[in-house]
N, C-alpha and C. Protein backbone atom coordinates (compact mmCIF):
# COMPACT_ATOMS: atom_id res chain seq x y z
N UNK A 1 107.90 -8.41 41.27
CA UNK A 1 106.81 -7.75 40.57
C UNK A 1 106.04 -6.90 41.57
N UNK A 2 105.76 -5.67 41.19
CA UNK A 2 105.03 -4.78 42.08
C UNK A 2 103.54 -5.06 41.99
N UNK A 3 102.81 -4.55 42.95
CA UNK A 3 101.36 -4.73 42.97
C UNK A 3 100.75 -4.11 41.71
N UNK A 4 101.26 -2.97 41.30
CA UNK A 4 100.72 -2.29 40.12
C UNK A 4 100.90 -3.16 38.88
N UNK A 5 102.08 -3.76 38.71
CA UNK A 5 102.33 -4.62 37.56
C UNK A 5 101.45 -5.88 37.61
N UNK A 6 101.24 -6.40 38.80
CA UNK A 6 100.42 -7.61 38.95
C UNK A 6 98.97 -7.35 38.54
N UNK A 7 98.47 -6.16 38.78
CA UNK A 7 97.08 -5.83 38.47
C UNK A 7 96.89 -5.33 37.03
N UNK A 8 97.97 -5.20 36.28
CA UNK A 8 97.88 -4.72 34.91
C UNK A 8 97.38 -5.84 34.00
N UNK A 9 96.40 -5.52 33.19
CA UNK A 9 95.85 -6.48 32.24
C UNK A 9 96.30 -6.05 30.86
N UNK A 10 96.89 -6.97 30.12
CA UNK A 10 97.35 -6.67 28.78
C UNK A 10 96.43 -7.34 27.76
N UNK A 11 96.17 -6.62 26.67
CA UNK A 11 95.32 -7.15 25.61
C UNK A 11 96.09 -7.11 24.30
N UNK A 12 95.77 -8.02 23.42
CA UNK A 12 96.41 -8.08 22.12
C UNK A 12 95.34 -8.25 21.05
N UNK A 13 95.62 -7.79 19.85
CA UNK A 13 94.68 -7.98 18.75
C UNK A 13 94.79 -9.38 18.15
N UNK A 14 95.86 -10.09 18.47
CA UNK A 14 96.04 -11.42 17.93
C UNK A 14 95.01 -12.37 18.54
N UNK A 15 94.37 -13.20 17.72
CA UNK A 15 93.38 -14.13 18.28
C UNK A 15 94.04 -15.17 19.17
N UNK A 16 93.39 -15.45 20.25
CA UNK A 16 93.87 -16.51 21.14
C UNK A 16 92.77 -17.55 21.25
N UNK A 17 93.11 -18.69 21.82
CA UNK A 17 92.11 -19.75 21.96
C UNK A 17 90.90 -19.26 22.74
N UNK A 18 91.10 -18.44 23.76
CA UNK A 18 89.98 -17.97 24.58
C UNK A 18 89.06 -17.04 23.80
N UNK A 19 89.58 -16.39 22.74
CA UNK A 19 88.76 -15.48 21.96
C UNK A 19 88.08 -16.17 20.78
N UNK A 20 88.51 -17.36 20.46
CA UNK A 20 87.89 -18.06 19.35
C UNK A 20 86.54 -18.59 19.77
N UNK A 21 85.60 -18.68 18.83
CA UNK A 21 84.27 -19.19 19.15
C UNK A 21 84.33 -20.64 19.59
N UNK A 22 83.32 -21.06 20.29
CA UNK A 22 83.27 -22.43 20.78
C UNK A 22 82.36 -23.31 19.93
N UNK A 23 81.97 -22.80 18.78
CA UNK A 23 81.09 -23.57 17.89
C UNK A 23 81.85 -24.73 17.28
N UNK A 24 81.23 -25.87 17.28
CA UNK A 24 81.82 -27.05 16.65
C UNK A 24 81.48 -26.99 15.16
N UNK A 25 82.35 -26.35 14.39
CA UNK A 25 82.06 -26.11 12.98
C UNK A 25 81.96 -27.40 12.18
N UNK A 26 82.70 -28.41 12.54
CA UNK A 26 82.58 -29.70 11.83
C UNK A 26 81.17 -30.26 11.98
N UNK A 27 80.66 -30.19 13.19
CA UNK A 27 79.31 -30.70 13.44
C UNK A 27 78.27 -29.86 12.70
N UNK A 28 78.46 -28.53 12.68
CA UNK A 28 77.52 -27.65 11.98
C UNK A 28 77.52 -27.97 10.49
N UNK A 29 78.70 -28.10 9.89
CA UNK A 29 78.79 -28.38 8.46
C UNK A 29 78.22 -29.75 8.12
N UNK A 30 78.27 -30.69 9.05
CA UNK A 30 77.79 -32.04 8.80
C UNK A 30 76.27 -32.17 9.00
N UNK A 31 75.63 -31.14 9.54
CA UNK A 31 74.19 -31.18 9.78
C UNK A 31 73.44 -31.15 8.44
N UNK A 32 72.51 -32.07 8.29
CA UNK A 32 71.74 -32.14 7.04
C UNK A 32 70.50 -31.25 7.12
N UNK A 33 69.92 -30.97 5.96
CA UNK A 33 68.68 -30.18 5.92
C UNK A 33 67.57 -30.88 6.68
N UNK A 34 67.51 -32.20 6.58
CA UNK A 34 66.47 -32.97 7.28
C UNK A 34 66.62 -32.81 8.79
N UNK A 35 67.85 -32.81 9.29
CA UNK A 35 68.08 -32.63 10.73
C UNK A 35 67.67 -31.22 11.16
N UNK A 36 67.97 -30.24 10.35
CA UNK A 36 67.58 -28.86 10.68
C UNK A 36 66.06 -28.74 10.72
N UNK A 37 65.37 -29.30 9.73
CA UNK A 37 63.91 -29.24 9.70
C UNK A 37 63.30 -29.96 10.90
N UNK A 38 63.90 -31.09 11.32
CA UNK A 38 63.40 -31.81 12.49
C UNK A 38 63.60 -30.97 13.76
N UNK A 39 64.74 -30.30 13.87
CA UNK A 39 64.99 -29.44 15.03
C UNK A 39 63.99 -28.28 15.06
N UNK A 40 63.70 -27.70 13.91
CA UNK A 40 62.73 -26.60 13.83
C UNK A 40 61.35 -27.08 14.26
N UNK A 41 60.96 -28.28 13.81
CA UNK A 41 59.64 -28.82 14.15
C UNK A 41 59.51 -29.09 15.64
N UNK A 42 60.60 -29.44 16.32
CA UNK A 42 60.57 -29.74 17.76
C UNK A 42 60.57 -28.50 18.63
N UNK A 43 61.06 -27.38 18.13
CA UNK A 43 61.23 -26.18 18.95
C UNK A 43 60.22 -25.11 18.55
N UNK A 44 59.22 -24.84 19.39
CA UNK A 44 58.20 -23.84 19.04
C UNK A 44 58.72 -22.41 19.02
N UNK A 45 59.89 -22.16 19.62
CA UNK A 45 60.42 -20.79 19.69
C UNK A 45 61.34 -20.45 18.53
N UNK A 46 61.62 -21.41 17.69
CA UNK A 46 62.57 -21.16 16.60
C UNK A 46 61.89 -20.35 15.49
N UNK A 47 62.67 -19.56 14.81
CA UNK A 47 62.14 -18.78 13.68
C UNK A 47 61.71 -19.72 12.57
N UNK A 48 60.73 -19.35 11.76
CA UNK A 48 60.27 -20.24 10.70
C UNK A 48 61.33 -20.38 9.61
N UNK A 49 61.27 -21.51 8.91
CA UNK A 49 62.15 -21.68 7.76
C UNK A 49 61.68 -20.76 6.66
N UNK A 50 62.59 -20.11 6.00
CA UNK A 50 62.22 -19.17 4.95
C UNK A 50 62.15 -19.92 3.62
N UNK A 51 61.04 -20.63 3.45
CA UNK A 51 60.84 -21.43 2.24
C UNK A 51 59.88 -20.70 1.30
N UNK A 52 59.53 -21.34 0.18
CA UNK A 52 58.64 -20.70 -0.80
C UNK A 52 57.28 -20.35 -0.20
N UNK A 53 56.77 -21.20 0.68
CA UNK A 53 55.47 -20.94 1.31
C UNK A 53 55.54 -19.68 2.17
N UNK A 54 56.63 -19.53 2.91
CA UNK A 54 56.80 -18.35 3.77
C UNK A 54 56.83 -17.08 2.91
N UNK A 55 57.60 -17.12 1.82
CA UNK A 55 57.71 -15.93 0.96
C UNK A 55 56.39 -15.63 0.26
N UNK A 56 55.59 -16.66 -0.04
CA UNK A 56 54.29 -16.44 -0.68
C UNK A 56 53.34 -15.68 0.26
N UNK A 57 53.45 -15.93 1.56
CA UNK A 57 52.59 -15.26 2.54
C UNK A 57 53.13 -13.88 2.94
N UNK A 58 54.42 -13.65 2.72
CA UNK A 58 55.05 -12.40 3.16
C UNK A 58 54.51 -11.21 2.36
N UNK A 59 54.48 -10.06 3.00
CA UNK A 59 54.06 -8.86 2.29
C UNK A 59 55.08 -7.76 2.54
N UNK A 60 55.34 -7.01 1.51
CA UNK A 60 56.30 -5.91 1.61
C UNK A 60 55.63 -4.73 2.29
N UNK A 61 56.35 -4.09 3.17
CA UNK A 61 55.81 -2.92 3.87
C UNK A 61 56.80 -1.78 3.71
N UNK A 62 56.30 -0.66 3.26
CA UNK A 62 57.13 0.53 3.16
C UNK A 62 57.32 1.11 4.56
N UNK A 63 58.54 1.49 4.91
CA UNK A 63 58.71 2.12 6.22
C UNK A 63 58.00 3.46 6.26
N UNK A 64 57.35 3.72 7.37
CA UNK A 64 56.61 4.98 7.51
C UNK A 64 57.57 6.10 7.88
N UNK A 65 57.27 7.28 7.39
CA UNK A 65 58.03 8.47 7.78
C UNK A 65 57.63 8.82 9.20
N UNK A 66 58.58 8.93 10.08
CA UNK A 66 58.28 9.26 11.47
C UNK A 66 58.04 10.76 11.60
N UNK A 67 57.25 11.12 12.60
CA UNK A 67 56.91 12.51 12.86
C UNK A 67 57.48 12.87 14.22
N UNK A 68 58.22 13.97 14.28
CA UNK A 68 58.78 14.44 15.55
C UNK A 68 57.68 15.13 16.35
N UNK A 69 57.50 14.70 17.61
CA UNK A 69 56.50 15.32 18.49
C UNK A 69 57.12 15.54 19.86
N UNK A 70 56.42 16.26 20.68
CA UNK A 70 56.78 16.39 22.08
C UNK A 70 55.70 15.66 22.86
N UNK A 71 56.10 14.76 23.74
CA UNK A 71 55.14 13.95 24.49
C UNK A 71 55.56 13.91 25.95
N UNK A 72 54.59 13.92 26.82
CA UNK A 72 54.87 13.83 28.26
C UNK A 72 54.59 12.41 28.72
N UNK A 73 55.59 11.80 29.34
CA UNK A 73 55.43 10.45 29.90
C UNK A 73 55.92 10.48 31.34
N UNK A 74 55.47 9.53 32.12
CA UNK A 74 55.92 9.42 33.50
C UNK A 74 57.42 9.15 33.52
N UNK A 75 58.12 9.73 34.51
CA UNK A 75 59.58 9.55 34.57
C UNK A 75 60.01 8.08 34.61
N UNK A 76 59.25 7.25 35.35
CA UNK A 76 59.64 5.84 35.45
C UNK A 76 59.46 5.10 34.12
N UNK A 77 58.49 5.53 33.33
CA UNK A 77 58.30 4.93 32.00
C UNK A 77 59.49 5.27 31.12
N UNK A 78 59.88 6.54 31.11
CA UNK A 78 61.03 6.97 30.32
C UNK A 78 62.31 6.27 30.78
N UNK A 79 62.51 6.19 32.09
CA UNK A 79 63.70 5.52 32.63
C UNK A 79 63.75 4.06 32.20
N UNK A 80 62.59 3.40 32.26
CA UNK A 80 62.53 1.99 31.86
C UNK A 80 63.02 1.81 30.42
N UNK A 81 62.48 2.61 29.50
CA UNK A 81 62.86 2.46 28.10
C UNK A 81 64.30 2.91 27.85
N UNK A 82 64.74 3.96 28.50
CA UNK A 82 66.13 4.40 28.32
C UNK A 82 67.12 3.33 28.78
N UNK A 83 66.77 2.62 29.84
CA UNK A 83 67.66 1.58 30.36
C UNK A 83 67.79 0.40 29.39
N UNK A 84 66.87 0.31 28.43
CA UNK A 84 66.98 -0.79 27.45
C UNK A 84 68.02 -0.47 26.39
N UNK A 85 68.60 0.72 26.42
CA UNK A 85 69.70 1.06 25.53
C UNK A 85 69.29 1.84 24.30
N UNK A 86 70.24 1.95 23.38
CA UNK A 86 70.01 2.71 22.16
C UNK A 86 68.80 2.16 21.42
N UNK A 87 68.05 3.05 20.82
CA UNK A 87 66.85 2.63 20.09
C UNK A 87 65.62 2.58 20.97
N UNK A 88 65.69 3.16 22.15
CA UNK A 88 64.56 3.07 23.08
C UNK A 88 63.32 3.77 22.53
N UNK A 89 63.50 4.84 21.76
CA UNK A 89 62.34 5.53 21.19
C UNK A 89 61.64 4.64 20.16
N UNK A 90 62.41 3.89 19.40
CA UNK A 90 61.83 2.94 18.45
C UNK A 90 61.05 1.87 19.19
N UNK A 91 61.57 1.39 20.32
CA UNK A 91 60.85 0.39 21.11
C UNK A 91 59.57 0.98 21.68
N UNK A 92 59.59 2.23 22.10
CA UNK A 92 58.37 2.88 22.59
C UNK A 92 57.35 2.94 21.46
N UNK A 93 57.80 3.27 20.26
CA UNK A 93 56.91 3.33 19.10
C UNK A 93 56.31 1.94 18.82
N UNK A 94 57.11 0.91 18.97
CA UNK A 94 56.63 -0.46 18.73
C UNK A 94 55.54 -0.84 19.71
N UNK A 95 55.71 -0.46 20.98
CA UNK A 95 54.69 -0.73 22.00
C UNK A 95 53.40 0.02 21.66
N UNK A 96 53.52 1.28 21.27
CA UNK A 96 52.33 2.06 20.90
C UNK A 96 51.65 1.47 19.67
N UNK A 97 52.43 1.02 18.70
CA UNK A 97 51.86 0.41 17.49
C UNK A 97 51.10 -0.86 17.84
N UNK A 98 51.67 -1.70 18.72
CA UNK A 98 50.99 -2.93 19.12
C UNK A 98 49.66 -2.62 19.79
N UNK A 99 49.65 -1.60 20.65
CA UNK A 99 48.41 -1.18 21.30
C UNK A 99 47.39 -0.72 20.26
N UNK A 100 47.85 0.10 19.31
CA UNK A 100 46.96 0.63 18.27
C UNK A 100 46.37 -0.51 17.43
N UNK A 101 47.21 -1.46 17.01
CA UNK A 101 46.73 -2.54 16.17
C UNK A 101 45.74 -3.44 16.91
N UNK A 102 45.99 -3.66 18.19
CA UNK A 102 45.05 -4.46 18.99
C UNK A 102 43.72 -3.74 19.13
N UNK A 103 43.77 -2.43 19.38
CA UNK A 103 42.54 -1.64 19.52
C UNK A 103 41.75 -1.64 18.20
N UNK A 104 42.43 -1.62 17.08
CA UNK A 104 41.76 -1.63 15.79
C UNK A 104 41.02 -2.96 15.54
N UNK A 105 41.60 -4.05 16.04
CA UNK A 105 40.98 -5.38 15.83
C UNK A 105 39.71 -5.54 16.64
N UNK A 106 39.57 -4.81 17.74
CA UNK A 106 38.40 -4.97 18.61
C UNK A 106 37.18 -4.29 18.05
């Protein structure tokens, strides 16, 4: 075998054991609602359960029409957001919205 052949990596579309998920599906299916609720109660970082109480508090929000503008920002600020990947302008808008909402509360 030549060096070139040794360094060749072959891929296939067929699933292999290494590509299959490592989730223990039997354990997941056997988990009861009570166990899930107990896990949620123990973990402060977990998303809330979407129960009737949650939906009663929820409010529908219409998406706002965005306005195209030209804005000058420091190069390092732009680089930071661009490095976060696609959707960086939306993330910049989210940061500005959070600032605006905080300023409104004061």
